[in-house]
Amino acid sequence: MQITVKLFATLAGHLPAGARHNAAELDVDDDATPATIIERLNLPREKCHLVLVNGVYVVPSQLDRHRLKPGDALAMWPPVAGG
């Protein structure tokens, strides 16, 4: 199945070649979760602070359990400082 992965700030450098506007289309297994995408893209899990699927926050304890669906948009941000 295909999903869209969006990575922001310091995570953006982990997007595959050909990514545009901080996003890439990925073909993933039917049982993919945010955790499997984090692993596949070699993202440091502790740096994936804010994880959203279709704009809805996924709590850290659910990263291994939340099943992605075809067409989902998975977005991740690292912890950021500012004000």
PDB file of N, CA and C in Angstrom:
ATOM      1  N   MET A   1       0.852  -1.175   0.000  1.00  0.00           N
ATOM      2  CA  MET A   1       0.000   0.000   0.000  1.00  0.00           C
ATOM      3  C   MET A   1       0.888   1.225   0.000  1.00  0.00           C
ATOM      4  N   GLN A   2       0.319   2.360  -0.354  1.00  0.00           N
ATOM      5  CA  GLN A   2       1.088   3.594  -0.422  1.00  0.00           C
ATOM      6  C   GLN A   2       0.601   4.585   0.635  1.00  0.00           C
ATOM      7  N   ILE A   3       1.585   5.238   1.289  1.00  0.00           N
ATOM      8  CA  ILE A   3       1.306   6.300   2.253  1.00  0.00           C
ATOM      9  C   ILE A   3       2.199   7.484   1.915  1.00  0.00           C
ATOM     10  N   THR A   4       1.888   8.620   2.514  1.00  0.00           N
ATOM     11  CA  THR A   4       2.733   9.805   2.413  1.00  0.00           C
ATOM     12  C   THR A   4       3.420  10.005   3.749  1.00  0.00           C
ATOM     13  N   VAL A   5       4.730  10.213   3.713  1.00  0.00           N
ATOM     14  CA  VAL A   5       5.494  10.502   4.920  1.00  0.00           C
ATOM     15  C   VAL A   5       5.994  11.933   4.818  1.00  0.00           C
ATOM     16  N   LYS A   6       5.754  12.705   5.878  1.00  0.00           N
ATOM     17  CA  LYS A   6       6.206  14.092   5.948  1.00  0.00           C
ATOM     18  C   LYS A   6       7.104  14.238   7.167  1.00  0.00           C
ATOM     19  N   LEU A   7       8.331  14.709   6.933  1.00  0.00           N
ATOM     20  CA  LEU A   7       9.285  14.899   8.019  1.00  0.00           C
ATOM     21  C   LEU A   7       9.713  16.349   8.057  1.00  0.00           C
ATOM     22  N   PHE A   8       9.806  16.897   9.256  1.00  0.00           N
ATOM     23  CA  PHE A   8      10.081  18.315   9.403  1.00  0.00           C
ATOM     24  C   PHE A   8      11.319  18.579  10.250  1.00  0.00           C
ATOM     25  N   ALA A   9      11.852  19.780  10.091  1.00  0.00           N
ATOM     26  CA  ALA A   9      13.034  20.250  10.824  1.00  0.00           C
ATOM     27  C   ALA A   9      14.189  19.267  10.608  1.00  0.00           C
ATOM     28  N   THR A  10      14.870  18.861  11.663  1.00  0.00           N
ATOM     29  CA  THR A  10      16.058  18.021  11.531  1.00  0.00           C
ATOM     30  C   THR A  10      15.750  16.605  11.016  1.00  0.00           C
ATOM     31  N   LEU A  11      14.510  16.197  11.045  1.00  0.00           N
ATOM     32  CA  LEU A  11      14.154  14.861  10.532  1.00  0.00           C
ATOM     33  C   LEU A  11      14.092  14.829   9.006  1.00  0.00           C
ATOM     34  N   ALA A  12      13.916  15.976   8.376  1.00  0.00           N
ATOM     35  CA  ALA A  12      13.716  16.037   6.926  1.00  0.00           C
ATOM     36  C   ALA A  12      14.867  15.411   6.145  1.00  0.00           C
ATOM     37  N   GLY A  13      16.063  15.437   6.686  1.00  0.00           N
ATOM     38  CA  GLY A  13      17.211  14.853   6.011  1.00  0.00           C
ATOM     39  C   GLY A  13      17.136  13.346   5.860  1.00  0.00           C
ATOM     40  N   HIS A  14      16.195  12.714   6.520  1.00  0.00           N
ATOM     41  CA  HIS A  14      16.026  11.266   6.430  1.00  0.00           C
ATOM     42  C   HIS A  14      15.050  10.847   5.331  1.00  0.00           C
ATOM     43  N   LEU A  15      14.446  11.806   4.654  1.00  0.00           N
ATOM     44  CA  LEU A  15      13.520  11.457   3.571  1.00  0.00           C
ATOM     45  C   LEU A  15      14.286  10.818   2.417  1.00  0.00           C
ATOM     46  N   PRO A  16      13.658   9.902   1.705  1.00  0.00           N
ATOM     47  CA  PRO A  16      14.334   9.267   0.570  1.00  0.00           C
ATOM     48  C   PRO A  16      14.578  10.266  -0.560  1.00  0.00           C
ATOM     49  N   ALA A  17      15.508   9.906  -1.424  1.00  0.00           N
ATOM     50  CA  ALA A  17      15.796  10.731  -2.598  1.00  0.00           C
ATOM     51  C   ALA A  17      14.505  10.958  -3.390  1.00  0.00           C
ATOM     52  N   GLY A  18      14.371  12.151  -3.921  1.00  0.00           N
ATOM     53  CA  GLY A  18      13.191  12.487  -4.702  1.00  0.00           C
ATOM     54  C   GLY A  18      12.065  13.104  -3.898  1.00  0.00           C
ATOM     55  N   ALA A  19      12.244  13.208  -2.588  1.00  0.00           N
ATOM     56  CA  ALA A  19      11.210  13.829  -1.751  1.00  0.00           C
ATOM     57  C   ALA A  19      11.079  15.303  -2.124  1.00  0.00           C
ATOM     58  N   ARG A  20       9.862  15.803  -2.047  1.00  0.00           N
ATOM     59  CA  ARG A  20       9.607  17.219  -2.354  1.00  0.00           C
ATOM     60  C   ARG A  20       8.740  17.826  -1.275  1.00  0.00           C
ATOM     61  N   HIS A  21       9.061  19.042  -0.914  1.00  0.00           N
ATOM     62  CA  HIS A  21       8.275  19.788   0.074  1.00  0.00           C
ATOM     63  C   HIS A  21       8.124  19.003   1.373  1.00  0.00           C
ATOM     64  N   ASN A  22       9.227  18.409   1.834  1.00  0.00           N
ATOM     65  CA  ASN A  22       9.270  17.654   3.088  1.00  0.00           C
ATOM     66  C   ASN A  22       8.391  16.405   3.074  1.00  0.00           C
ATOM     67  N   ALA A  23       8.057  15.887   1.898  1.00  0.00           N
ATOM     68  CA  ALA A  23       7.165  14.721   1.828  1.00  0.00           C
ATOM     69  C   ALA A  23       7.637  13.730   0.774  1.00  0.00           C
ATOM     70  N   ALA A  24       7.314  12.457   1.015  1.00  0.00           N
ATOM     71  CA  ALA A  24       7.618  11.404   0.062  1.00  0.00           C
ATOM     72  C   ALA A  24       6.504  10.365   0.103  1.00  0.00           C
ATOM     73  N   GLU A  25       6.253   9.775  -1.039  1.00  0.00           N
ATOM     74  CA  GLU A  25       5.314   8.655  -1.127  1.00  0.00           C
ATOM     75  C   GLU A  25       6.111   7.381  -0.897  1.00  0.00           C
ATOM     76  N   LEU A  26       5.610   6.506  -0.022  1.00  0.00           N
ATOM     77  CA  LEU A  26       6.283   5.246   0.265  1.00  0.00           C
ATOM     78  C   LEU A  26       5.340   4.076   0.037  1.00  0.00           C
ATOM     79  N   ASP A  27       5.867   3.017  -0.533  1.00  0.00           N
ATOM     80  CA  ASP A  27       5.153   1.748  -0.586  1.00  0.00           C
ATOM     81  C   ASP A  27       5.530   0.986   0.667  1.00  0.00           C
ATOM     82  N   VAL A  28       4.533   0.583   1.449  1.00  0.00           N
ATOM     83  CA  VAL A  28       4.781  -0.081   2.729  1.00  0.00           C
ATOM     84  C   VAL A  28       3.938  -1.353   2.817  1.00  0.00           C
ATOM     85  N   ASP A  29       4.334  -2.240   3.716  1.00  0.00           N
ATOM     86  CA  ASP A  29       3.572  -3.463   3.955  1.00  0.00           C
ATOM     87  C   ASP A  29       2.204  -3.139   4.548  1.00  0.00           C
ATOM     88  N   ASP A  30       1.269  -4.039   4.372  1.00  0.00           N
ATOM     89  CA  ASP A  30      -0.089  -3.828   4.875  1.00  0.00           C
ATOM     90  C   ASP A  30      -0.161  -3.731   6.395  1.00  0.00           C
ATOM     91  N   ASP A  31       0.833  -4.255   7.097  1.00  0.00           N
ATOM     92  CA  ASP A  31       0.820  -4.187   8.556  1.00  0.00           C
ATOM     93  C   ASP A  31       1.720  -3.077   9.108  1.00  0.00           C
ATOM     94  N   ALA A  32       2.066  -2.107   8.273  1.00  0.00           N
ATOM     95  CA  ALA A  32       2.962  -1.020   8.686  1.00  0.00           C
ATOM     96  C   ALA A  32       2.345  -0.177   9.805  1.00  0.00           C
ATOM     97  N   THR A  33       3.229   0.280  10.689  1.00  0.00           N
ATOM     98  CA  THR A  33       2.869   1.182  11.786  1.00  0.00           C
ATOM     99  C   THR A  33       3.834   2.365  11.738  1.00  0.00           C
ATOM    100  N   PRO A  34       3.544   3.440  12.478  1.00  0.00           N
ATOM    101  CA  PRO A  34       4.527   4.522  12.545  1.00  0.00           C
ATOM    102  C   PRO A  34       5.903   4.021  12.980  1.00  0.00           C
ATOM    103  N   ALA A  35       5.952   3.072  13.892  1.00  0.00           N
ATOM    104  CA  ALA A  35       7.240   2.543  14.361  1.00  0.00           C
ATOM    105  C   ALA A  35       8.004   1.851  13.233  1.00  0.00           C
ATOM    106  N   THR A  36       7.313   1.126  12.371  1.00  0.00           N
ATOM    107  CA  THR A  36       8.025   0.460  11.278  1.00  0.00           C
ATOM    108  C   THR A  36       8.570   1.475  10.281  1.00  0.00           C
ATOM    109  N   ILE A  37       7.882   2.583  10.103  1.00  0.00           N
ATOM    110  CA  ILE A  37       8.366   3.644   9.203  1.00  0.00           C
ATOM    111  C   ILE A  37       9.564   4.349   9.839  1.00  0.00           C
ATOM    112  N   ILE A  38       9.503   4.593  11.137  1.00  0.00           N
ATOM    113  CA  ILE A  38      10.629   5.195  11.852  1.00  0.00           C
ATOM    114  C   ILE A  38      11.867   4.328  11.664  1.00  0.00           C
ATOM    115  N   GLU A  39      11.705   3.032  11.814  1.00  0.00           N
ATOM    116  CA  GLU A  39      12.822   2.098  11.646  1.00  0.00           C
ATOM    117  C   GLU A  39      13.308   2.070  10.195  1.00  0.00           C
ATOM    118  N   ARG A  40      12.386   1.996   9.274  1.00  0.00           N
ATOM    119  CA  ARG A  40      12.746   1.922   7.848  1.00  0.00           C
ATOM    120  C   ARG A  40      13.559   3.135   7.396  1.00  0.00           C
ATOM    121  N   LEU A  41      13.210   4.314   7.915  1.00  0.00           N
ATOM    122  CA  LEU A  41      13.899   5.543   7.515  1.00  0.00           C
ATOM    123  C   LEU A  41      15.103   5.862   8.410  1.00  0.00           C
ATOM    124  N   ASN A  42      15.426   4.935   9.310  1.00  0.00           N
ATOM    125  CA  ASN A  42      16.559   5.119  10.230  1.00  0.00           C
ATOM    126  C   ASN A  42      16.443   6.411  11.047  1.00  0.00           C
ATOM    127  N   LEU A  43      15.243   6.699  11.490  1.00  0.00           N
ATOM    128  CA  LEU A  43      15.018   7.878  12.325  1.00  0.00           C
ATOM    129  C   LEU A  43      15.312   7.529  13.783  1.00  0.00           C
ATOM    130  N   PRO A  44      15.980   8.415  14.502  1.00  0.00           N
ATOM    131  CA  PRO A  44      16.157   8.163  15.940  1.00  0.00           C
ATOM    132  C   PRO A  44      14.793   8.299  16.627  1.00  0.00           C
ATOM    133  N   ARG A  45      14.307   7.222  17.191  1.00  0.00           N
ATOM    134  CA  ARG A  45      12.948   7.222  17.753  1.00  0.00           C
ATOM    135  C   ARG A  45      12.742   8.332  18.784  1.00  0.00           C
ATOM    136  N   GLU A  46      13.771   8.609  19.583  1.00  0.00           N
ATOM    137  CA  GLU A  46      13.647   9.657  20.610  1.00  0.00           C
ATOM    138  C   GLU A  46      13.517  11.048  19.987  1.00  0.00           C
ATOM    139  N   LYS A  47      13.865  11.170  18.707  1.00  0.00           N
ATOM    140  CA  LYS A  47      13.737  12.458  18.015  1.00  0.00           C
ATOM    141  C   LYS A  47      12.383  12.612  17.323  1.00  0.00           C
ATOM    142  N   CYS A  48      11.582  11.565  17.299  1.00  0.00           N
ATOM    143  CA  CYS A  48      10.239  11.626  16.700  1.00  0.00           C
ATOM    144  C   CYS A  48       9.259  11.997  17.807  1.00  0.00           C
ATOM    145  N   HIS A  49       9.270  13.263  18.145  1.00  0.00           N
ATOM    146  CA  HIS A  49       8.543  13.758  19.312  1.00  0.00           C
ATOM    147  C   HIS A  49       7.036  13.898  19.044  1.00  0.00           C
ATOM    148  N   LEU A  50       6.701  14.473  17.921  1.00  0.00           N
ATOM    149  CA  LEU A  50       5.293  14.694  17.569  1.00  0.00           C
ATOM    150  C   LEU A  50       4.988  13.861  16.331  1.00  0.00           C
ATOM    151  N   VAL A  51       4.085  12.896  16.474  1.00  0.00           N
ATOM    152  CA  VAL A  51       3.720  12.000  15.369  1.00  0.00           C
ATOM    153  C   VAL A  51       2.221  12.122  15.127  1.00  0.00           C
ATOM    154  N   LEU A  52       1.877  12.440  13.899  1.00  0.00           N
ATOM    155  CA  LEU A  52       0.470  12.582  13.510  1.00  0.00           C
ATOM    156  C   LEU A  52       0.167  11.660  12.338  1.00  0.00           C
ATOM    157  N   VAL A  53      -1.012  11.054  12.357  1.00  0.00           N
ATOM    158  CA  VAL A  53      -1.526  10.308  11.211  1.00  0.00           C
ATOM    159  C   VAL A  53      -2.803  11.008  10.788  1.00  0.00           C
ATOM    160  N   ASN A  54      -2.783  11.536   9.573  1.00  0.00           N
ATOM    161  CA  ASN A  54      -3.925  12.303   9.047  1.00  0.00           C
ATOM    162  C   ASN A  54      -4.316  13.433   9.993  1.00  0.00           C
ATOM    163  N   GLY A  55      -3.306  14.056  10.608  1.00  0.00           N
ATOM    164  CA  GLY A  55      -3.544  15.206  11.480  1.00  0.00           C
ATOM    165  C   GLY A  55      -3.943  14.853  12.897  1.00  0.00           C
ATOM    166  N   VAL A  56      -3.973  13.580  13.240  1.00  0.00           N
ATOM    167  CA  VAL A  56      -4.378  13.143  14.582  1.00  0.00           C
ATOM    168  C   VAL A  56      -3.148  12.618  15.321  1.00  0.00           C
ATOM    169  N   TYR A  57      -2.918  13.133  16.521  1.00  0.00           N
ATOM    170  CA  TYR A  57      -1.764  12.768  17.343  1.00  0.00           C
ATOM    171  C   TYR A  57      -1.791  11.286  17.705  1.00  0.00           C
ATOM    172  N   VAL A  58      -0.631  10.645  17.563  1.00  0.00           N
ATOM    173  CA  VAL A  58      -0.467   9.248  17.970  1.00  0.00           C
ATOM    174  C   VAL A  58       0.441   9.258  19.202  1.00  0.00           C
ATOM    175  N   VAL A  59      -0.086   8.805  20.323  1.00  0.00           N
ATOM    176  CA  VAL A  59       0.704   8.797  21.560  1.00  0.00           C
ATOM    177  C   VAL A  59       1.859   7.808  21.414  1.00  0.00           C
ATOM    178  N   PRO A  60       3.001   8.094  22.045  1.00  0.00           N
ATOM    179  CA  PRO A  60       4.176   7.223  21.891  1.00  0.00           C
ATOM    180  C   PRO A  60       3.905   5.742  22.164  1.00  0.00           C
ATOM    181  N   SER A  61       3.047   5.438  23.118  1.00  0.00           N
ATOM    182  CA  SER A  61       2.773   4.034  23.436  1.00  0.00           C
ATOM    183  C   SER A  61       2.022   3.309  22.310  1.00  0.00           C
ATOM    184  N   GLN A  62       1.489   4.056  21.343  1.00  0.00           N
ATOM    185  CA  GLN A  62       0.735   3.454  20.241  1.00  0.00           C
ATOM    186  C   GLN A  62       1.509   3.396  18.928  1.00  0.00           C
ATOM    187  N   LEU A  63       2.767   3.860  18.919  1.00  0.00           N
ATOM    188  CA  LEU A  63       3.532   3.882  17.675  1.00  0.00           C
ATOM    189  C   LEU A  63       3.721   2.491  17.081  1.00  0.00           C
ATOM    190  N   ASP A  64       3.795   1.470  17.931  1.00  0.00           N
ATOM    191  CA  ASP A  64       3.951   0.097  17.460  1.00  0.00           C
ATOM    192  C   ASP A  64       2.617  -0.573  17.139  1.00  0.00           C
ATOM    193  N   ARG A  65       1.528   0.030  17.536  1.00  0.00           N
ATOM    194  CA  ARG A  65       0.204  -0.609  17.409  1.00  0.00           C
ATOM    195  C   ARG A  65      -0.706   0.031  16.371  1.00  0.00           C
ATOM    196  N   HIS A  66      -0.513   1.323  16.106  1.00  0.00           N
ATOM    197  CA  HIS A  66      -1.393   2.040  15.187  1.00  0.00           C
ATOM    198  C   HIS A  66      -1.123   1.579  13.747  1.00  0.00           C
ATOM    199  N   ARG A  67      -2.050   0.848  13.171  1.00  0.00           N
ATOM    200  CA  ARG A  67      -1.903   0.348  11.800  1.00  0.00           C
ATOM    201  C   ARG A  67      -2.202   1.462  10.806  1.00  0.00           C
ATOM    202  N   LEU A  68      -1.288   1.632   9.872  1.00  0.00           N
ATOM    203  CA  LEU A  68      -1.499   2.621   8.818  1.00  0.00           C
ATOM    204  C   LEU A  68      -2.397   2.018   7.747  1.00  0.00           C
ATOM    205  N   LYS A  69      -3.121   2.903   7.066  1.00  0.00           N
ATOM    206  CA  LYS A  69      -4.046   2.480   6.009  1.00  0.00           C
ATOM    207  C   LYS A  69      -3.615   3.108   4.689  1.00  0.00           C
ATOM    208  N   PRO A  70      -4.026   2.529   3.565  1.00  0.00           N
ATOM    209  CA  PRO A  70      -3.671   3.120   2.269  1.00  0.00           C
ATOM    210  C   PRO A  70      -4.083   4.588   2.208  1.00  0.00           C
ATOM    211  N   GLY A  71      -3.158   5.426   1.735  1.00  0.00           N
ATOM    212  CA  GLY A  71      -3.444   6.847   1.582  1.00  0.00           C
ATOM    213  C   GLY A  71      -3.191   7.681   2.817  1.00  0.00           C
ATOM    214  N   ASP A  72      -2.833   7.049   3.943  1.00  0.00           N
ATOM    215  CA  ASP A  72      -2.564   7.809   5.164  1.00  0.00           C
ATOM    216  C   ASP A  72      -1.395   8.774   4.963  1.00  0.00           C
ATOM    217  N   ALA A  73      -1.440   9.868   5.710  1.00  0.00           N
ATOM    218  CA  ALA A  73      -0.341  10.826   5.765  1.00  0.00           C
ATOM    219  C   ALA A  73       0.252  10.757   7.165  1.00  0.00           C
ATOM    220  N   LEU A  74       1.499  10.338   7.241  1.00  0.00           N
ATOM    221  CA  LEU A  74       2.232  10.232   8.502  1.00  0.00           C
ATOM    222  C   LEU A  74       3.202  11.398   8.568  1.00  0.00           C
ATOM    223  N   ALA A  75       3.048  12.244   9.581  1.00  0.00           N
ATOM    224  CA  ALA A  75       3.910  13.420   9.743  1.00  0.00           C
ATOM    225  C   ALA A  75       4.620  13.355  11.088  1.00  0.00           C
ATOM    226  N   MET A  76       5.912  13.750  11.079  1.00  0.00           N
ATOM    227  CA  MET A  76       6.697  13.698  12.320  1.00  0.00           C
ATOM    228  C   MET A  76       7.578  14.935  12.456  1.00  0.00           C
ATOM    229  N   TRP A  77       7.672  15.389  13.705  1.00  0.00           N
ATOM    230  CA  TRP A  77       8.510  16.528  14.065  1.00  0.00           C
ATOM    231  C   TRP A  77       9.409  16.138  15.242  1.00  0.00           C
ATOM    232  N   PRO A  78      10.614  16.704  15.292  1.00  0.00           N
ATOM    233  CA  PRO A  78      11.458  16.504  16.471  1.00  0.00           C
ATOM    234  C   PRO A  78      11.030  17.485  17.541  1.00  0.00           C
ATOM    235  N   PRO A  79      11.553  17.311  18.779  1.00  0.00           N
ATOM    236  CA  PRO A  79      11.288  18.330  19.802  1.00  0.00           C
ATOM    237  C   PRO A  79      11.930  19.638  19.344  1.00  0.00           C
ATOM    238  N   VAL A  80      11.208  20.723  19.483  1.00  0.00           N
ATOM    239  CA  VAL A  80      11.745  22.034  19.082  1.00  0.00           C
ATOM    240  C   VAL A  80      11.590  23.009  20.228  1.00  0.00           C
ATOM    241  N   ALA A  81      12.472  23.971  20.247  1.00  0.00           N
ATOM    242  CA  ALA A  81      12.399  25.042  21.244  1.00  0.00           C
ATOM    243  C   ALA A  81      12.027  26.328  20.530  1.00  0.00           C
ATOM    244  N   GLY A  82      11.442  27.195  21.242  1.00  0.00           N
ATOM    245  CA  GLY A  82      11.087  28.488  20.643  1.00  0.00           C
ATOM    246  C   GLY A  82       9.930  29.102  21.394  1.00  0.00           C
ATOM    247  N   GLY A  83       9.502  30.196  20.897  1.00  0.00           N
ATOM    248  CA  GLY A  83       8.420  30.845  21.613  1.00  0.00           C
ATOM    249  C   GLY A  83       7.768  31.922  20.844  1.00  0.00           C
TER     250      GLY A  83
END
